[in-house]
């Protein structure tokens, strides 16, 4: 399996989730299963079935996070020096010509993307259009909503 890019902050969030799942959620659901078993007949025990379903979800999430972290290529952009080009992990401030407004995005891995807080997936059309661009470059991006024109105002490696 190929390595998947991940920022330092994204990897830290995944590790925190994994620690919480293993240290808090897993023991809590195991205790809930034991308590439900103590109530007797498991065939019609809704508490038992709900706890087993929750355990299955938690174990699947743990396996998923373990796999993602083991295949992650963690990239620390703060070590790149002076920002000259837009790269993975860069925070980019843009002027959106169509909206006549400034926007800011951080280009991150697919698993840590959240557009509502400005975390843009590396595989998104906007991020693909921005990679390799320099300060003051104009970028034309074809998005599902139509063509957008951006101007790169600032690049930061934070």
Protein backbone atom coordinates (compact mmCIF):
# COMPACT_ATOMS: atom_id res chain seq x y z
CA UNK A 1 0.00 0.00 0.00
CA UNK A 2 1.36 3.44 -0.85
CA UNK A 3 2.06 6.12 1.72
CA UNK A 4 -0.69 8.67 2.35
CA UNK A 5 0.32 12.28 3.16
CA UNK A 6 -0.71 13.59 6.56
CA UNK A 7 0.16 16.80 8.37
CA UNK A 8 1.71 16.71 11.85
CA UNK A 9 -1.52 18.14 13.35
CA UNK A 10 -3.66 15.59 11.51
CA UNK A 11 -1.50 12.70 12.71
CA UNK A 12 -1.71 14.03 16.28
CA UNK A 13 -5.52 14.20 16.09
CA UNK A 14 -5.63 10.61 14.82
CA UNK A 15 -3.32 9.43 17.62
CA UNK A 16 -5.51 11.24 20.18
CA UNK A 17 -8.63 9.54 18.77
CA UNK A 18 -6.89 6.17 18.87
CA UNK A 19 -5.79 6.70 22.48
CA UNK A 20 -9.34 7.68 23.49
CA UNK A 21 -10.87 4.70 21.68
CA UNK A 22 -8.44 2.22 23.23
CA UNK A 23 -8.24 3.75 26.70
CA UNK A 24 -11.80 4.98 27.33
CA UNK A 25 -14.37 3.81 24.79
CA UNK A 26 -13.25 0.17 24.48
CA UNK A 27 -13.20 -0.52 28.28
CA UNK A 28 -16.56 1.27 28.69
CA UNK A 29 -18.28 -0.89 26.05
CA UNK A 30 -16.68 -4.08 27.42
CA UNK A 31 -18.15 -3.22 30.83
CA UNK A 32 -21.54 -2.55 29.22
CA UNK A 33 -21.45 -5.97 27.52
CA UNK A 34 -20.58 -7.68 30.81
CA UNK A 35 -23.42 -5.87 32.58
CA UNK A 36 -25.90 -6.77 29.84
CA UNK A 37 -24.79 -10.43 30.00
CA UNK A 38 -25.55 -10.43 33.70
CA UNK A 39 -29.19 -9.64 32.92
CA UNK A 40 -29.69 -13.13 31.54
CA UNK A 41 -31.22 -14.22 28.20
CA UNK A 42 -29.04 -12.72 25.45
CA UNK A 43 -31.45 -13.56 22.62
CA UNK A 44 -33.88 -10.77 23.52
CA UNK A 45 -31.50 -8.50 25.41
CA UNK A 46 -31.50 -5.14 23.58
CA UNK A 47 -28.77 -3.69 25.83
CA UNK A 48 -26.47 -6.56 24.94
CA UNK A 49 -27.05 -6.24 21.20
CA UNK A 50 -26.57 -2.45 21.30
CA UNK A 51 -23.32 -2.81 23.25
CA UNK A 52 -22.04 -5.48 20.84
CA UNK A 53 -22.86 -3.21 17.89
CA UNK A 54 -21.03 -0.33 19.55
CA UNK A 55 -18.06 -2.61 20.25
CA UNK A 56 -17.96 -3.59 16.58
CA UNK A 57 -17.95 0.07 15.55
CA UNK A 58 -15.16 0.94 18.01
CA UNK A 59 -12.99 -2.01 16.94
CA UNK A 60 -13.49 -1.08 13.26
CA UNK A 61 -12.52 2.54 13.96
CA UNK A 62 -9.40 1.41 15.87
CA UNK A 63 -8.38 -0.84 12.99
CA UNK A 64 -9.02 1.98 10.50
CA UNK A 65 -6.95 4.53 12.45
CA UNK A 66 -4.12 2.03 13.04
CA UNK A 67 -3.99 1.32 9.30
CA UNK A 68 -4.05 4.97 8.33
CA UNK A 69 -1.30 5.89 10.78
CA UNK A 70 0.89 2.97 9.73
CA UNK A 71 0.59 4.03 6.06
CA UNK A 72 0.97 7.75 6.72
CA UNK A 73 3.79 9.89 5.45
CA UNK A 74 3.81 12.65 8.06
CA UNK A 75 4.98 15.92 6.53
CA UNK A 76 6.15 18.80 8.72
CA UNK A 77 5.92 21.94 6.58
CA UNK A 78 7.53 24.13 9.26
CA UNK A 79 10.89 22.63 8.23
CA UNK A 80 10.60 23.80 4.61
CA UNK A 81 12.04 27.27 5.20
CA UNK A 82 10.82 30.34 3.32
CA UNK A 83 7.53 29.79 1.50
CA UNK A 84 8.05 30.07 -2.23
CA UNK A 85 5.55 27.61 -3.67
CA UNK A 86 2.29 26.08 -2.59
CA UNK A 87 2.95 22.54 -1.36
CA UNK A 88 1.16 19.96 0.74
CA UNK A 89 0.60 21.37 4.23
CA UNK A 90 0.88 25.00 3.19
CA UNK A 91 -1.66 27.56 4.35
CA UNK A 92 -2.68 29.70 1.39
CA UNK A 93 -4.56 32.99 1.41
CA UNK A 94 -6.32 33.65 -1.89
CA UNK A 95 -8.39 36.35 -3.50
CA UNK A 96 -11.50 34.78 -5.06
CA UNK A 97 -12.32 36.93 -8.11
CA UNK A 98 -15.83 35.52 -8.54
CA UNK A 99 -16.83 36.21 -4.91
CA UNK A 100 -14.69 39.35 -4.62
CA UNK A 101 -13.43 38.09 -1.25
CA UNK A 102 -10.40 36.58 0.41
CA UNK A 103 -10.35 32.93 1.45
CA UNK A 104 -7.79 30.88 3.32
CA UNK A 105 -7.12 27.16 3.01
CA UNK A 106 -4.63 24.71 4.44
CA UNK A 107 -3.87 21.83 2.08
CA UNK A 108 -4.07 18.59 4.05
CA UNK A 109 -4.52 14.85 3.57
CA UNK A 110 -7.88 13.36 2.62
CA UNK A 111 -8.51 11.95 6.11
CA UNK A 112 -8.07 15.31 7.85
CA UNK A 113 -9.92 17.54 5.36
CA UNK A 114 -12.78 19.69 6.65
CA UNK A 115 -13.76 22.55 4.35
CA UNK A 116 -15.88 24.19 7.08
CA UNK A 117 -12.66 25.08 8.94
CA UNK A 118 -10.54 25.72 5.85
CA UNK A 119 -8.82 22.31 5.65
CA UNK A 120 -8.74 21.44 1.97
CA UNK A 121 -8.07 17.88 0.75
CA UNK A 122 -4.97 17.46 -1.41
CA UNK A 123 -7.14 15.64 -3.95
CA UNK A 124 -9.70 18.47 -4.29
CA UNK A 125 -9.79 20.45 -7.56
CA UNK A 126 -8.76 23.68 -5.81
CA UNK A 127 -5.77 22.09 -4.04
CA UNK A 128 -4.62 20.35 -7.23
CA UNK A 129 -4.79 23.69 -9.02
CA UNK A 130 -2.80 25.46 -6.28
CA UNK A 131 0.07 22.98 -5.90
CA UNK A 132 3.27 24.43 -7.34
CA UNK A 133 1.94 27.99 -7.66
CA UNK A 134 3.86 31.00 -6.34
CA UNK A 135 2.94 34.31 -4.74
CA UNK A 136 0.82 36.56 -7.02
CA UNK A 137 0.08 33.68 -9.45
CA UNK A 138 -3.41 33.52 -10.90
CA UNK A 139 -5.06 30.12 -10.70
CA UNK A 140 -8.02 28.99 -12.79
CA UNK A 141 -9.74 26.02 -11.19
CA UNK A 142 -12.50 23.92 -12.69
CA UNK A 143 -14.80 22.95 -9.84
CA UNK A 144 -18.13 21.09 -9.88
CA UNK A 145 -19.78 24.51 -9.39
CA UNK A 146 -18.01 26.01 -12.40
CA UNK A 147 -14.75 27.76 -13.13
CA UNK A 148 -13.14 29.82 -10.34
CA UNK A 149 -10.29 32.27 -10.56
CA UNK A 150 -8.00 32.80 -7.57
CA UNK A 151 -4.94 34.95 -6.98
CA UNK A 152 -2.35 33.71 -4.49
CA UNK A 153 -1.93 36.48 -1.89
CA UNK A 154 0.08 34.70 0.79
CA UNK A 155 1.73 31.33 1.40
CA UNK A 156 2.64 30.18 4.90
CA UNK A 157 4.27 27.02 6.18
CA UNK A 158 2.76 26.90 9.66
